[in-house]
Amino acid sequence: MGLDITFPKEGVAPGVQETADAVANLIALGYADQIVLSHDVFLKQMWAKNGGNGWGFVPNVFLAYLAARGVDNDTLRKLCIDNPARLLTA
């Protein structure tokens, strides 16, 4: 006997393109100073040694998606270097 409780769309995540669209939209709306990019590697198939992107996903994959959406290099630097530095030293 038990109870199975689920939430609608549990476990469903947006794809990389949808996420890049959302981040690019937030940047266009003026939120670039408030964005810090991150990701996780929680499945073995995500590990670089198993053919995944590993910890290189943001710099090696995701930034190219943002650049393709018109995000300039200065803003990419802000998201990956300046904003995290400000957050960690505040």
PDB file of N, CA and C in Angstrom:
ATOM      1  N   MET A   1       0.846  -1.147   0.000  1.00  0.00           N
ATOM      2  CA  MET A   1       0.000   0.000   0.000  1.00  0.00           C
ATOM      3  C   MET A   1       0.905   1.227   0.000  1.00  0.00           C
ATOM      4  N   GLY A   2       0.526   2.215  -0.759  1.00  0.00           N
ATOM      5  CA  GLY A   2       1.309   3.435  -0.818  1.00  0.00           C
ATOM      6  C   GLY A   2       0.582   4.496  -1.601  1.00  0.00           C
ATOM      7  N   LEU A   3       1.228   5.590  -1.727  1.00  0.00           N
ATOM      8  CA  LEU A   3       0.635   6.723  -2.422  1.00  0.00           C
ATOM      9  C   LEU A   3       1.670   7.282  -3.384  1.00  0.00           C
ATOM     10  N   ASP A   4       1.284   7.398  -4.617  1.00  0.00           N
ATOM     11  CA  ASP A   4       2.170   7.953  -5.636  1.00  0.00           C
ATOM     12  C   ASP A   4       1.744   9.392  -5.913  1.00  0.00           C
ATOM     13  N   ILE A   5       2.602  10.326  -5.554  1.00  0.00           N
ATOM     14  CA  ILE A   5       2.308  11.735  -5.798  1.00  0.00           C
ATOM     15  C   ILE A   5       3.312  12.251  -6.819  1.00  0.00           C
ATOM     16  N   THR A   6       2.816  12.833  -7.882  1.00  0.00           N
ATOM     17  CA  THR A   6       3.693  13.430  -8.886  1.00  0.00           C
ATOM     18  C   THR A   6       3.221  14.843  -9.185  1.00  0.00           C
ATOM     19  N   PHE A   7       4.120  15.606  -9.742  1.00  0.00           N
ATOM     20  CA  PHE A   7       3.803  16.965 -10.138  1.00  0.00           C
ATOM     21  C   PHE A   7       3.793  17.034 -11.656  1.00  0.00           C
ATOM     22  N   PRO A   8       2.922  17.829 -12.235  1.00  0.00           N
ATOM     23  CA  PRO A   8       2.896  17.945 -13.696  1.00  0.00           C
ATOM     24  C   PRO A   8       4.260  18.355 -14.235  1.00  0.00           C
ATOM     25  N   LYS A   9       4.685  17.682 -15.267  1.00  0.00           N
ATOM     26  CA  LYS A   9       5.954  17.958 -15.949  1.00  0.00           C
ATOM     27  C   LYS A   9       7.176  17.748 -15.065  1.00  0.00           C
ATOM     28  N   GLU A  10       7.053  16.967 -14.022  1.00  0.00           N
ATOM     29  CA  GLU A  10       8.200  16.670 -13.162  1.00  0.00           C
ATOM     30  C   GLU A  10       9.280  15.987 -13.993  1.00  0.00           C
ATOM     31  N   GLY A  11      10.492  16.459 -13.869  1.00  0.00           N
ATOM     32  CA  GLY A  11      11.610  15.878 -14.601  1.00  0.00           C
ATOM     33  C   GLY A  11      11.780  16.419 -16.004  1.00  0.00           C
ATOM     34  N   VAL A  12      10.894  17.291 -16.437  1.00  0.00           N
ATOM     35  CA  VAL A  12      10.998  17.870 -17.773  1.00  0.00           C
ATOM     36  C   VAL A  12      11.797  19.166 -17.674  1.00  0.00           C
ATOM     37  N   ALA A  13      12.816  19.270 -18.466  1.00  0.00           N
ATOM     38  CA  ALA A  13      13.650  20.473 -18.464  1.00  0.00           C
ATOM     39  C   ALA A  13      13.700  21.048 -19.875  1.00  0.00           C
ATOM     40  N   PRO A  14      13.860  22.351 -19.998  1.00  0.00           N
ATOM     41  CA  PRO A  14      13.980  22.934 -21.338  1.00  0.00           C
ATOM     42  C   PRO A  14      15.284  22.495 -21.991  1.00  0.00           C
ATOM     43  N   GLY A  15      15.295  22.471 -23.307  1.00  0.00           N
ATOM     44  CA  GLY A  15      16.503  22.140 -24.044  1.00  0.00           C
ATOM     45  C   GLY A  15      17.479  23.304 -24.038  1.00  0.00           C
ATOM     46  N   VAL A  16      18.655  23.066 -24.566  1.00  0.00           N
ATOM     47  CA  VAL A  16      19.702  24.089 -24.595  1.00  0.00           C
ATOM     48  C   VAL A  16      19.236  25.310 -25.390  1.00  0.00           C
ATOM     49  N   GLN A  17      18.582  25.089 -26.519  1.00  0.00           N
ATOM     50  CA  GLN A  17      18.132  26.216 -27.335  1.00  0.00           C
ATOM     51  C   GLN A  17      17.096  27.058 -26.601  1.00  0.00           C
ATOM     52  N   GLU A  18      16.164  26.405 -25.914  1.00  0.00           N
ATOM     53  CA  GLU A  18      15.154  27.146 -25.150  1.00  0.00           C
ATOM     54  C   GLU A  18      15.799  27.938 -24.014  1.00  0.00           C
ATOM     55  N   THR A  19      16.769  27.339 -23.359  1.00  0.00           N
ATOM     56  CA  THR A  19      17.459  28.032 -22.272  1.00  0.00           C
ATOM     57  C   THR A  19      18.245  29.220 -22.815  1.00  0.00           C
ATOM     58  N   ALA A  20      18.932  29.031 -23.933  1.00  0.00           N
ATOM     59  CA  ALA A  20      19.682  30.135 -24.544  1.00  0.00           C
ATOM     60  C   ALA A  20      18.738  31.256 -24.963  1.00  0.00           C
ATOM     61  N   ASP A  21      17.578  30.904 -25.497  1.00  0.00           N
ATOM     62  CA  ASP A  21      16.585  31.925 -25.856  1.00  0.00           C
ATOM     63  C   ASP A  21      16.164  32.721 -24.623  1.00  0.00           C
ATOM     64  N   ALA A  22      15.906  32.021 -23.526  1.00  0.00           N
ATOM     65  CA  ALA A  22      15.463  32.682 -22.295  1.00  0.00           C
ATOM     66  C   ALA A  22      16.546  33.604 -21.741  1.00  0.00           C
ATOM     67  N   VAL A  23      17.791  33.134 -21.715  1.00  0.00           N
ATOM     68  CA  VAL A  23      18.891  33.956 -21.195  1.00  0.00           C
ATOM     69  C   VAL A  23      19.118  35.166 -22.105  1.00  0.00           C
ATOM     70  N   ALA A  24      19.114  34.954 -23.417  1.00  0.00           N
ATOM     71  CA  ALA A  24      19.292  36.071 -24.353  1.00  0.00           C
ATOM     72  C   ALA A  24      18.168  37.092 -24.186  1.00  0.00           C
ATOM     73  N   ASN A  25      16.962  36.631 -23.948  1.00  0.00           N
ATOM     74  CA  ASN A  25      15.833  37.527 -23.723  1.00  0.00           C
ATOM     75  C   ASN A  25      16.033  38.339 -22.442  1.00  0.00           C
ATOM     76  N   LEU A  26      16.486  37.694 -21.373  1.00  0.00           N
ATOM     77  CA  LEU A  26      16.757  38.411 -20.122  1.00  0.00           C
ATOM     78  C   LEU A  26      17.850  39.465 -20.310  1.00  0.00           C
ATOM     79  N   ILE A  27      18.859  39.129 -21.101  1.00  0.00           N
ATOM     80  CA  ILE A  27      19.926  40.091 -21.395  1.00  0.00           C
ATOM     81  C   ILE A  27      19.351  41.280 -22.158  1.00  0.00           C
ATOM     82  N   ALA A  28      18.521  41.004 -23.163  1.00  0.00           N
ATOM     83  CA  ALA A  28      17.896  42.070 -23.951  1.00  0.00           C
ATOM     84  C   ALA A  28      17.011  42.965 -23.087  1.00  0.00           C
ATOM     85  N   LEU A  29      16.441  42.403 -22.034  1.00  0.00           N
ATOM     86  CA  LEU A  29      15.585  43.169 -21.121  1.00  0.00           C
ATOM     87  C   LEU A  29      16.385  43.961 -20.085  1.00  0.00           C
ATOM     88  N   GLY A  30      17.728  43.822 -20.118  1.00  0.00           N
ATOM     89  CA  GLY A  30      18.573  44.610 -19.234  1.00  0.00           C
ATOM     90  C   GLY A  30      19.033  43.921 -17.964  1.00  0.00           C
ATOM     91  N   TYR A  31      18.921  42.609 -17.904  1.00  0.00           N
ATOM     92  CA  TYR A  31      19.286  41.879 -16.693  1.00  0.00           C
ATOM     93  C   TYR A  31      20.691  41.282 -16.714  1.00  0.00           C
ATOM     94  N   ALA A  32      21.536  41.665 -17.654  1.00  0.00           N
ATOM     95  CA  ALA A  32      22.864  41.043 -17.789  1.00  0.00           C
ATOM     96  C   ALA A  32      23.699  41.163 -16.519  1.00  0.00           C
ATOM     97  N   ASP A  33      23.534  42.250 -15.770  1.00  0.00           N
ATOM     98  CA  ASP A  33      24.308  42.424 -14.537  1.00  0.00           C
ATOM     99  C   ASP A  33      23.860  41.490 -13.418  1.00  0.00           C
ATOM    100  N   GLN A  34      22.730  40.817 -13.601  1.00  0.00           N
ATOM    101  CA  GLN A  34      22.166  39.975 -12.549  1.00  0.00           C
ATOM    102  C   GLN A  34      22.213  38.483 -12.881  1.00  0.00           C
ATOM    103  N   ILE A  35      22.866  38.119 -13.973  1.00  0.00           N
ATOM    104  CA  ILE A  35      22.878  36.721 -14.420  1.00  0.00           C
ATOM    105  C   ILE A  35      24.240  36.087 -14.163  1.00  0.00           C
ATOM    106  N   VAL A  36      24.229  34.899 -13.573  1.00  0.00           N
ATOM    107  CA  VAL A  36      25.415  34.064 -13.419  1.00  0.00           C
ATOM    108  C   VAL A  36      25.062  32.711 -14.022  1.00  0.00           C
ATOM    109  N   LEU A  37      25.884  32.223 -14.926  1.00  0.00           N
ATOM    110  CA  LEU A  37      25.617  30.945 -15.588  1.00  0.00           C
ATOM    111  C   LEU A  37      26.203  29.790 -14.788  1.00  0.00           C
ATOM    112  N   SER A  38      25.482  28.683 -14.767  1.00  0.00           N
ATOM    113  CA  SER A  38      25.976  27.481 -14.096  1.00  0.00           C
ATOM    114  C   SER A  38      25.312  26.257 -14.718  1.00  0.00           C
ATOM    115  N   HIS A  39      25.778  25.106 -14.335  1.00  0.00           N
ATOM    116  CA  HIS A  39      25.156  23.843 -14.736  1.00  0.00           C
ATOM    117  C   HIS A  39      25.642  22.762 -13.790  1.00  0.00           C
ATOM    118  N   ASP A  40      25.076  21.595 -13.935  1.00  0.00           N
ATOM    119  CA  ASP A  40      25.538  20.487 -13.104  1.00  0.00           C
ATOM    120  C   ASP A  40      25.857  19.283 -13.978  1.00  0.00           C
ATOM    121  N   VAL A  41      26.498  18.331 -13.388  1.00  0.00           N
ATOM    122  CA  VAL A  41      26.865  17.091 -14.072  1.00  0.00           C
ATOM    123  C   VAL A  41      26.439  15.963 -13.140  1.00  0.00           C
ATOM    124  N   PHE A  42      25.171  15.581 -13.238  1.00  0.00           N
ATOM    125  CA  PHE A  42      24.636  14.626 -12.275  1.00  0.00           C
ATOM    126  C   PHE A  42      24.445  13.219 -12.830  1.00  0.00           C
ATOM    127  N   LEU A  43      24.630  13.039 -14.108  1.00  0.00           N
ATOM    128  CA  LEU A  43      24.530  11.708 -14.701  1.00  0.00           C
ATOM    129  C   LEU A  43      25.883  11.308 -15.278  1.00  0.00           C
ATOM    130  N   LYS A  44      26.213  10.036 -15.191  1.00  0.00           N
ATOM    131  CA  LYS A  44      27.511   9.584 -15.700  1.00  0.00           C
ATOM    132  C   LYS A  44      27.685   9.891 -17.183  1.00  0.00           C
ATOM    133  N   GLN A  45      26.603   9.868 -17.950  1.00  0.00           N
ATOM    134  CA  GLN A  45      26.733  10.157 -19.378  1.00  0.00           C
ATOM    135  C   GLN A  45      27.036  11.636 -19.648  1.00  0.00           C
ATOM    136  N   MET A  46      26.911  12.484 -18.629  1.00  0.00           N
ATOM    137  CA  MET A  46      27.276  13.898 -18.769  1.00  0.00           C
ATOM    138  C   MET A  46      28.770  14.120 -18.558  1.00  0.00           C
ATOM    139  N   TRP A  47      29.449  13.170 -17.958  1.00  0.00           N
ATOM    140  CA  TRP A  47      30.876  13.299 -17.696  1.00  0.00           C
ATOM    141  C   TRP A  47      31.645  13.307 -19.012  1.00  0.00           C
ATOM    142  N   ALA A  48      32.689  14.108 -19.098  1.00  0.00           N
ATOM    143  CA  ALA A  48      33.497  14.187 -20.313  1.00  0.00           C
ATOM    144  C   ALA A  48      34.098  12.830 -20.668  1.00  0.00           C
ATOM    145  N   LYS A  49      34.547  12.085 -19.657  1.00  0.00           N
ATOM    146  CA  LYS A  49      35.173  10.787 -19.947  1.00  0.00           C
ATOM    147  C   LYS A  49      34.173   9.778 -20.503  1.00  0.00           C
ATOM    148  N   ASN A  50      32.884  10.068 -20.375  1.00  0.00           N
ATOM    149  CA  ASN A  50      31.848   9.182 -20.909  1.00  0.00           C
ATOM    150  C   ASN A  50      31.174   9.767 -22.143  1.00  0.00           C
ATOM    151  N   GLY A  51      31.798  10.783 -22.745  1.00  0.00           N
ATOM    152  CA  GLY A  51      31.277  11.347 -23.984  1.00  0.00           C
ATOM    153  C   GLY A  51      30.407  12.579 -23.821  1.00  0.00           C
ATOM    154  N   GLY A  52      30.176  13.004 -22.588  1.00  0.00           N
ATOM    155  CA  GLY A  52      29.387  14.214 -22.354  1.00  0.00           C
ATOM    156  C   GLY A  52      30.251  15.469 -22.409  1.00  0.00           C
ATOM    157  N   ASN A  53      29.650  16.587 -22.105  1.00  0.00           N
ATOM    158  CA  ASN A  53      30.380  17.861 -22.109  1.00  0.00           C
ATOM    159  C   ASN A  53      31.142  18.111 -20.820  1.00  0.00           C
ATOM    160  N   GLY A  54      30.816  17.386 -19.769  1.00  0.00           N
ATOM    161  CA  GLY A  54      31.481  17.584 -18.489  1.00  0.00           C
ATOM    162  C   GLY A  54      31.298  19.003 -17.989  1.00  0.00           C
ATOM    163  N   TRP A  55      32.287  19.473 -17.244  1.00  0.00           N
ATOM    164  CA  TRP A  55      32.222  20.819 -16.681  1.00  0.00           C
ATOM    165  C   TRP A  55      32.467  21.887 -17.730  1.00  0.00           C
ATOM    166  N   GLY A  56      32.780  21.506 -18.944  1.00  0.00           N
ATOM    167  CA  GLY A  56      33.022  22.465 -20.016  1.00  0.00           C
ATOM    168  C   GLY A  56      31.783  22.899 -20.769  1.00  0.00           C
ATOM    169  N   PHE A  57      30.603  22.492 -20.324  1.00  0.00           N
ATOM    170  CA  PHE A  57      29.385  22.808 -21.070  1.00  0.00           C
ATOM    171  C   PHE A  57      29.182  24.308 -21.271  1.00  0.00           C
ATOM    172  N   VAL A  58      29.257  25.085 -20.217  1.00  0.00           N
ATOM    173  CA  VAL A  58      29.003  26.528 -20.361  1.00  0.00           C
ATOM    174  C   VAL A  58      30.035  27.172 -21.284  1.00  0.00           C
ATOM    175  N   PRO A  59      31.344  27.051 -21.014  1.00  0.00           N
ATOM    176  CA  PRO A  59      32.298  27.750 -21.883  1.00  0.00           C
ATOM    177  C   PRO A  59      32.418  27.157 -23.288  1.00  0.00           C
ATOM    178  N   ASN A  60      32.254  25.855 -23.423  1.00  0.00           N
ATOM    179  CA  ASN A  60      32.486  25.208 -24.717  1.00  0.00           C
ATOM    180  C   ASN A  60      31.245  25.038 -25.577  1.00  0.00           C
ATOM    181  N   VAL A  61      30.063  25.101 -24.984  1.00  0.00           N
ATOM    182  CA  VAL A  61      28.827  24.866 -25.735  1.00  0.00           C
ATOM    183  C   VAL A  61      27.847  26.029 -25.587  1.00  0.00           C
ATOM    184  N   PHE A  62      27.466  26.336 -24.356  1.00  0.00           N
ATOM    185  CA  PHE A  62      26.372  27.277 -24.130  1.00  0.00           C
ATOM    186  C   PHE A  62      26.702  28.697 -24.586  1.00  0.00           C
ATOM    187  N   LEU A  63      27.938  29.141 -24.400  1.00  0.00           N
ATOM    188  CA  LEU A  63      28.294  30.497 -24.823  1.00  0.00           C
ATOM    189  C   LEU A  63      28.133  30.679 -26.328  1.00  0.00           C
ATOM    190  N   ALA A  64      28.389  29.636 -27.097  1.00  0.00           N
ATOM    191  CA  ALA A  64      28.194  29.715 -28.551  1.00  0.00           C
ATOM    192  C   ALA A  64      26.718  29.904 -28.896  1.00  0.00           C
ATOM    193  N   TYR A  65      25.835  29.271 -28.132  1.00  0.00           N
ATOM    194  CA  TYR A  65      24.395  29.465 -28.344  1.00  0.00           C
ATOM    195  C   TYR A  65      24.010  30.916 -28.067  1.00  0.00           C
ATOM    196  N   LEU A  66      24.568  31.504 -27.017  1.00  0.00           N
ATOM    197  CA  LEU A  66      24.266  32.904 -26.711  1.00  0.00           C
ATOM    198  C   LEU A  66      24.837  33.827 -27.785  1.00  0.00           C
ATOM    199  N   ALA A  67      26.059  33.556 -28.222  1.00  0.00           N
ATOM    200  CA  ALA A  67      26.675  34.371 -29.271  1.00  0.00           C
ATOM    201  C   ALA A  67      25.849  34.308 -30.555  1.00  0.00           C
ATOM    202  N   ALA A  68      25.324  33.138 -30.877  1.00  0.00           N
ATOM    203  CA  ALA A  68      24.484  32.983 -32.067  1.00  0.00           C
ATOM    204  C   ALA A  68      23.192  33.789 -31.960  1.00  0.00           C
ATOM    205  N   ARG A  69      22.825  34.144 -30.741  1.00  0.00           N
ATOM    206  CA  ARG A  69      21.619  34.950 -30.513  1.00  0.00           C
ATOM    207  C   ARG A  69      21.952  36.433 -30.355  1.00  0.00           C
ATOM    208  N   GLY A  70      23.189  36.798 -30.700  1.00  0.00           N
ATOM    209  CA  GLY A  70      23.576  38.200 -30.714  1.00  0.00           C
ATOM    210  C   GLY A  70      24.177  38.743 -29.437  1.00  0.00           C
ATOM    211  N   VAL A  71      24.463  37.882 -28.473  1.00  0.00           N
ATOM    212  CA  VAL A  71      25.085  38.344 -27.231  1.00  0.00           C
ATOM    213  C   VAL A  71      26.567  38.601 -27.514  1.00  0.00           C
ATOM    214  N   ASP A  72      27.034  39.815 -27.229  1.00  0.00           N
ATOM    215  CA  ASP A  72      28.411  40.190 -27.563  1.00  0.00           C
ATOM    216  C   ASP A  72      29.416  39.660 -26.536  1.00  0.00           C
ATOM    217  N   ASN A  73      30.695  39.713 -26.909  1.00  0.00           N
ATOM    218  CA  ASN A  73      31.764  39.162 -26.064  1.00  0.00           C
ATOM    219  C   ASN A  73      31.866  39.855 -24.710  1.00  0.00           C
ATOM    220  N   ASP A  74      31.636  41.163 -24.664  1.00  0.00           N
ATOM    221  CA  ASP A  74      31.694  41.871 -23.382  1.00  0.00           C
ATOM    222  C   ASP A  74      30.623  41.359 -22.421  1.00  0.00           C
ATOM    223  N   THR A  75      29.445  41.076 -22.945  1.00  0.00           N
ATOM    224  CA  THR A  75      28.366  40.553 -22.098  1.00  0.00           C
ATOM    225  C   THR A  75      28.662  39.122 -21.678  1.00  0.00           C
ATOM    226  N   LEU A  76      29.223  38.317 -22.572  1.00  0.00           N
ATOM    227  CA  LEU A  76      29.589  36.946 -22.208  1.00  0.00           C
ATOM    228  C   LEU A  76      30.624  36.961 -21.088  1.00  0.00           C
ATOM    229  N   ARG A  77      31.578  37.874 -21.177  1.00  0.00           N
ATOM    230  CA  ARG A  77      32.579  38.013 -20.107  1.00  0.00           C
ATOM    231  C   ARG A  77      31.899  38.393 -18.801  1.00  0.00           C
ATOM    232  N   LYS A  78      30.941  39.288 -18.881  1.00  0.00           N
ATOM    233  CA  LYS A  78      30.214  39.719 -17.685  1.00  0.00           C
ATOM    234  C   LYS A  78      29.522  38.522 -17.024  1.00  0.00           C
ATOM    235  N   LEU A  79      28.875  37.677 -17.828  1.00  0.00           N
ATOM    236  CA  LEU A  79      28.138  36.531 -17.291  1.00  0.00           C
ATOM    237  C   LEU A  79      29.061  35.496 -16.655  1.00  0.00           C
ATOM    238  N   CYS A  80      30.242  35.310 -17.245  1.00  0.00           N
ATOM    239  CA  CYS A  80      31.126  34.223 -16.807  1.00  0.00           C
ATOM    240  C   CYS A  80      32.241  34.651 -15.856  1.00  0.00           C
ATOM    241  N   ILE A  81      32.604  35.922 -15.871  1.00  0.00           N
ATOM    242  CA  ILE A  81      33.741  36.373 -15.061  1.00  0.00           C
ATOM    243  C   ILE A  81      33.345  37.494 -14.102  1.00  0.00           C
ATOM    244  N   ASP A  82      32.846  38.588 -14.653  1.00  0.00           N
ATOM    245  CA  ASP A  82      32.586  39.775 -13.827  1.00  0.00           C
ATOM    246  C   ASP A  82      31.486  39.551 -12.793  1.00  0.00           C
ATOM    247  N   ASN A  83      30.345  39.018 -13.218  1.00  0.00           N
ATOM    248  CA  ASN A  83      29.235  38.808 -12.272  1.00  0.00           C
ATOM    249  C   ASN A  83      29.588  37.804 -11.174  1.00  0.00           C
ATOM    250  N   PRO A  84      30.174  36.643 -11.515  1.00  0.00           N
ATOM    251  CA  PRO A  84      30.553  35.721 -10.435  1.00  0.00           C
ATOM    252  C   PRO A  84      31.585  36.335  -9.482  1.00  0.00           C
ATOM    253  N   ALA A  85      32.545  37.088 -10.023  1.00  0.00           N
ATOM    254  CA  ALA A  85      33.556  37.721  -9.162  1.00  0.00           C
ATOM    255  C   ALA A  85      32.898  38.706  -8.205  1.00  0.00           C
ATOM    256  N   ARG A  86      31.966  39.488  -8.718  1.00  0.00           N
ATOM    257  CA  ARG A  86      31.267  40.452  -7.864  1.00  0.00           C
ATOM    258  C   ARG A  86      30.451  39.729  -6.797  1.00  0.00           C
ATOM    259  N   LEU A  87      29.803  38.654  -7.171  1.00  0.00           N
ATOM    260  CA  LEU A  87      28.995  37.871  -6.237  1.00  0.00           C
ATOM    261  C   LEU A  87      29.860  37.270  -5.126  1.00  0.00           C
ATOM    262  N   LEU A  88      31.013  36.748  -5.492  1.00  0.00           N
ATOM    263  CA  LEU A  88      31.872  36.067  -4.524  1.00  0.00           C
ATOM    264  C   LEU A  88      32.679  37.015  -3.647  1.00  0.00           C
ATOM    265  N   THR A  89      32.785  38.270  -4.042  1.00  0.00           N
ATOM    266  CA  THR A  89      33.556  39.224  -3.244  1.00  0.00           C
ATOM    267  C   THR A  89      32.676  40.254  -2.538  1.00  0.00           C
ATOM    268  N   ALA A  90      31.380  40.108  -2.657  1.00  0.00           N
ATOM    269  CA  ALA A  90      30.454  41.073  -2.019  1.00  0.00           C
ATOM    270  C   ALA A  90      30.378  40.843  -0.525  1.00  0.00           C
TER     271      ALA A  90
END
